[in-house]
């Protein structure tokens, strides 16, 4: 992906790996982020700075058990009127989904997809 400021992001998704927890690795022009749901590691290629931070989510927001936890958190938020059950607001969630849908469209059609705001 190329962002509006010219920064680039490379994304690879792999499914059906043997018995591992969900991992996220984002590699950018100047560094990368590596996460496992409990910790994020940020590495800056330019400075060599390597920072790790704890980001463990509550069980209701954990994605390791997939849709059941997401639906449970959504139902709890609606039932209680408390949006703190949700990890992101609808605008943020939609923005993330739009990126994935655009990537799939680009993959299937062999084209570049440009997203507006």
C-alpha atoms as a PDB file:
ATOM      1  CA  UNK A   1       0.000   0.000   0.000  1.00  0.00           C
ATOM      2  CA  UNK A   2       1.100   3.528  -0.594  1.00  0.00           C
ATOM      3  CA  UNK A   3      -0.186   6.156   1.811  1.00  0.00           C
ATOM      4  CA  UNK A   4      -1.052   9.728   0.881  1.00  0.00           C
ATOM      5  CA  UNK A   5       2.317  11.005   2.155  1.00  0.00           C
ATOM      6  CA  UNK A   6       4.250   8.518  -0.013  1.00  0.00           C
ATOM      7  CA  UNK A   7       5.025   6.042   2.771  1.00  0.00           C
ATOM      8  CA  UNK A   8       4.580   2.439   1.726  1.00  0.00           C
ATOM      9  CA  UNK A   9       3.236  -0.588   3.571  1.00  0.00           C
ATOM     10  CA  UNK A  10       3.613  -4.233   2.581  1.00  0.00           C
ATOM     11  CA  UNK A  11       0.868  -6.650   3.707  1.00  0.00           C
ATOM     12  CA  UNK A  12       0.814 -10.437   3.495  1.00  0.00           C
ATOM     13  CA  UNK A  13      -1.944 -12.545   4.995  1.00  0.00           C
ATOM     14  CA  UNK A  14      -1.398 -16.232   5.643  1.00  0.00           C
ATOM     15  CA  UNK A  15      -4.104 -18.576   6.849  1.00  0.00           C
ATOM     16  CA  UNK A  16      -4.161 -22.145   8.091  1.00  0.00           C
ATOM     17  CA  UNK A  17      -0.764 -22.090   9.778  1.00  0.00           C
ATOM     18  CA  UNK A  18      -0.094 -24.864  12.278  1.00  0.00           C
ATOM     19  CA  UNK A  19      -1.281 -24.212  15.845  1.00  0.00           C
ATOM     20  CA  UNK A  20      -0.074 -20.656  16.327  1.00  0.00           C
ATOM     21  CA  UNK A  21      -1.803 -17.680  17.855  1.00  0.00           C
ATOM     22  CA  UNK A  22      -2.785 -14.804  15.632  1.00  0.00           C
ATOM     23  CA  UNK A  23       0.179 -12.611  14.805  1.00  0.00           C
ATOM     24  CA  UNK A  24       0.343  -9.283  13.072  1.00  0.00           C
ATOM     25  CA  UNK A  25       3.454  -8.004  11.367  1.00  0.00           C
ATOM     26  CA  UNK A  26       3.418  -4.693   9.575  1.00  0.00           C
ATOM     27  CA  UNK A  27       6.551  -3.798   7.630  1.00  0.00           C
ATOM     28  CA  UNK A  28       6.872  -0.201   6.483  1.00  0.00           C
ATOM     29  CA  UNK A  29       9.455   1.905   4.722  1.00  0.00           C
ATOM     30  CA  UNK A  30      11.154   2.942   7.963  1.00  0.00           C
ATOM     31  CA  UNK A  31      10.384   0.085  10.315  1.00  0.00           C
ATOM     32  CA  UNK A  32       7.962  -2.556  11.411  1.00  0.00           C
ATOM     33  CA  UNK A  33       5.398  -3.453  14.059  1.00  0.00           C
ATOM     34  CA  UNK A  34       5.118  -7.022  15.330  1.00  0.00           C
ATOM     35  CA  UNK A  35       2.172  -7.970  17.546  1.00  0.00           C
ATOM     36  CA  UNK A  36       0.722 -11.086  19.154  1.00  0.00           C
ATOM     37  CA  UNK A  37      -2.357  -9.664  20.887  1.00  0.00           C
ATOM     38  CA  UNK A  38      -0.515  -9.140  24.162  1.00  0.00           C
ATOM     39  CA  UNK A  39       2.495  -7.095  23.067  1.00  0.00           C
ATOM     40  CA  UNK A  40       3.501  -4.795  20.231  1.00  0.00           C
ATOM     41  CA  UNK A  41       7.120  -4.478  19.193  1.00  0.00           C
ATOM     42  CA  UNK A  42       8.018  -1.365  17.192  1.00  0.00           C
ATOM     43  CA  UNK A  43      11.356  -1.290  15.373  1.00  0.00           C
ATOM     44  CA  UNK A  44      12.662   1.814  13.590  1.00  0.00           C
ATOM     45  CA  UNK A  45      15.066   0.855  10.758  1.00  0.00           C
ATOM     46  CA  UNK A  46      16.573   4.349  10.699  1.00  0.00           C
ATOM     47  CA  UNK A  47      17.473   4.705  14.369  1.00  0.00           C
ATOM     48  CA  UNK A  48      17.587   1.074  15.474  1.00  0.00           C
ATOM     49  CA  UNK A  49      15.158   1.936  18.274  1.00  0.00           C
ATOM     50  CA  UNK A  50      13.306  -1.182  19.428  1.00  0.00           C
ATOM     51  CA  UNK A  51      10.315  -0.627  21.715  1.00  0.00           C
ATOM     52  CA  UNK A  52       7.958  -3.214  23.189  1.00  0.00           C
ATOM     53  CA  UNK A  53       4.662  -2.329  24.848  1.00  0.00           C
ATOM     54  CA  UNK A  54       1.986  -4.399  26.547  1.00  0.00           C
ATOM     55  CA  UNK A  55      -1.402  -4.087  24.855  1.00  0.00           C
ATOM     56  CA  UNK A  56      -3.214  -7.147  26.203  1.00  0.00           C
ATOM     57  CA  UNK A  57      -6.906  -6.893  25.491  1.00  0.00           C
ATOM     58  CA  UNK A  58      -9.706  -7.916  27.783  1.00  0.00           C
ATOM     59  CA  UNK A  59     -11.077 -11.401  27.015  1.00  0.00           C
ATOM     60  CA  UNK A  60     -14.233  -9.870  25.525  1.00  0.00           C
ATOM     61  CA  UNK A  61     -12.155  -8.037  22.927  1.00  0.00           C
ATOM     62  CA  UNK A  62      -9.679 -10.819  22.154  1.00  0.00           C
ATOM     63  CA  UNK A  63      -9.779 -12.001  18.545  1.00  0.00           C
ATOM     64  CA  UNK A  64      -8.202 -15.403  19.233  1.00  0.00           C
ATOM     65  CA  UNK A  65     -11.627 -17.007  19.511  1.00  0.00           C
ATOM     66  CA  UNK A  66     -12.853 -15.098  16.486  1.00  0.00           C
ATOM     67  CA  UNK A  67     -16.377 -14.044  15.824  1.00  0.00           C
ATOM     68  CA  UNK A  68     -17.911 -15.290  19.076  1.00  0.00           C
ATOM     69  CA  UNK A  69     -15.955 -12.762  21.166  1.00  0.00           C
ATOM     70  CA  UNK A  70     -16.648  -9.938  18.685  1.00  0.00           C
ATOM     71  CA  UNK A  71     -20.391 -10.645  18.670  1.00  0.00           C
ATOM     72  CA  UNK A  72     -20.435 -10.962  22.469  1.00  0.00           C
ATOM     73  CA  UNK A  73     -18.712  -7.591  22.881  1.00  0.00           C
ATOM     74  CA  UNK A  74     -21.112  -5.966  20.396  1.00  0.00           C
ATOM     75  CA  UNK A  75     -24.187  -7.411  22.148  1.00  0.00           C
ATOM     76  CA  UNK A  76     -22.838  -6.267  25.533  1.00  0.00           C
ATOM     77  CA  UNK A  77     -22.248  -2.750  24.188  1.00  0.00           C
ATOM     78  CA  UNK A  78     -25.786  -2.556  22.788  1.00  0.00           C
ATOM     79  CA  UNK A  79     -27.411  -4.139  25.868  1.00  0.00           C
ATOM     80  CA  UNK A  80     -25.649  -1.840  28.325  1.00  0.00           C
ATOM     81  CA  UNK A  81     -25.377   1.267  26.139  1.00  0.00           C
ATOM     82  CA  UNK A  82     -21.650   1.213  26.994  1.00  0.00           C
ATOM     83  CA  UNK A  83     -19.390   1.628  23.930  1.00  0.00           C
ATOM     84  CA  UNK A  84     -16.287   0.780  25.987  1.00  0.00           C
ATOM     85  CA  UNK A  85     -17.025  -2.881  25.177  1.00  0.00           C
ATOM     86  CA  UNK A  86     -15.958  -2.122  21.613  1.00  0.00           C
ATOM     87  CA  UNK A  87     -12.335  -1.843  20.523  1.00  0.00           C
ATOM     88  CA  UNK A  88     -13.069   0.726  17.812  1.00  0.00           C
ATOM     89  CA  UNK A  89     -15.845   2.950  16.613  1.00  0.00           C
ATOM     90  CA  UNK A  90     -17.761   2.252  13.409  1.00  0.00           C
ATOM     91  CA  UNK A  91     -15.724   4.764  11.363  1.00  0.00           C
ATOM     92  CA  UNK A  92     -12.404   3.181  12.351  1.00  0.00           C
ATOM     93  CA  UNK A  93     -13.698  -0.351  11.789  1.00  0.00           C
ATOM     94  CA  UNK A  94     -15.091   0.547   8.377  1.00  0.00           C
ATOM     95  CA  UNK A  95     -11.813   2.213   7.354  1.00  0.00           C
ATOM     96  CA  UNK A  96      -9.892  -0.969   8.164  1.00  0.00           C
ATOM     97  CA  UNK A  97     -12.356  -3.116   6.247  1.00  0.00           C
ATOM     98  CA  UNK A  98     -12.207  -0.799   3.228  1.00  0.00           C
ATOM     99  CA  UNK A  99      -8.432  -1.315   3.034  1.00  0.00           C
ATOM    100  CA  UNK A 100      -8.857  -5.106   3.070  1.00  0.00           C
ATOM    101  CA  UNK A 101     -11.648  -5.019   0.476  1.00  0.00           C
ATOM    102  CA  UNK A 102      -9.532  -2.784  -1.771  1.00  0.00           C
ATOM    103  CA  UNK A 103      -6.551  -5.130  -1.408  1.00  0.00           C
ATOM    104  CA  UNK A 104      -8.709  -8.100  -2.397  1.00  0.00           C
ATOM    105  CA  UNK A 105     -10.122  -6.188  -5.373  1.00  0.00           C
ATOM    106  CA  UNK A 106      -6.585  -5.284  -6.480  1.00  0.00           C
ATOM    107  CA  UNK A 107      -5.451  -8.905  -6.085  1.00  0.00           C
ATOM    108  CA  UNK A 108      -8.356 -10.341  -8.041  1.00  0.00           C
ATOM    109  CA  UNK A 109      -8.252  -7.774 -10.834  1.00  0.00           C
ATOM    110  CA  UNK A 110      -4.507  -7.131 -10.989  1.00  0.00           C
ATOM    111  CA  UNK A 111      -5.144  -3.413 -10.590  1.00  0.00           C
ATOM    112  CA  UNK A 112      -4.334  -0.574  -8.246  1.00  0.00           C
ATOM    113  CA  UNK A 113      -7.254   0.599  -6.103  1.00  0.00           C
ATOM    114  CA  UNK A 114      -7.237   4.129  -4.748  1.00  0.00           C
ATOM    115  CA  UNK A 115      -9.222   4.871  -1.608  1.00  0.00           C
ATOM    116  CA  UNK A 116     -10.517   8.348  -0.876  1.00  0.00           C
ATOM    117  CA  UNK A 117     -11.385   9.649   2.549  1.00  0.00           C
END
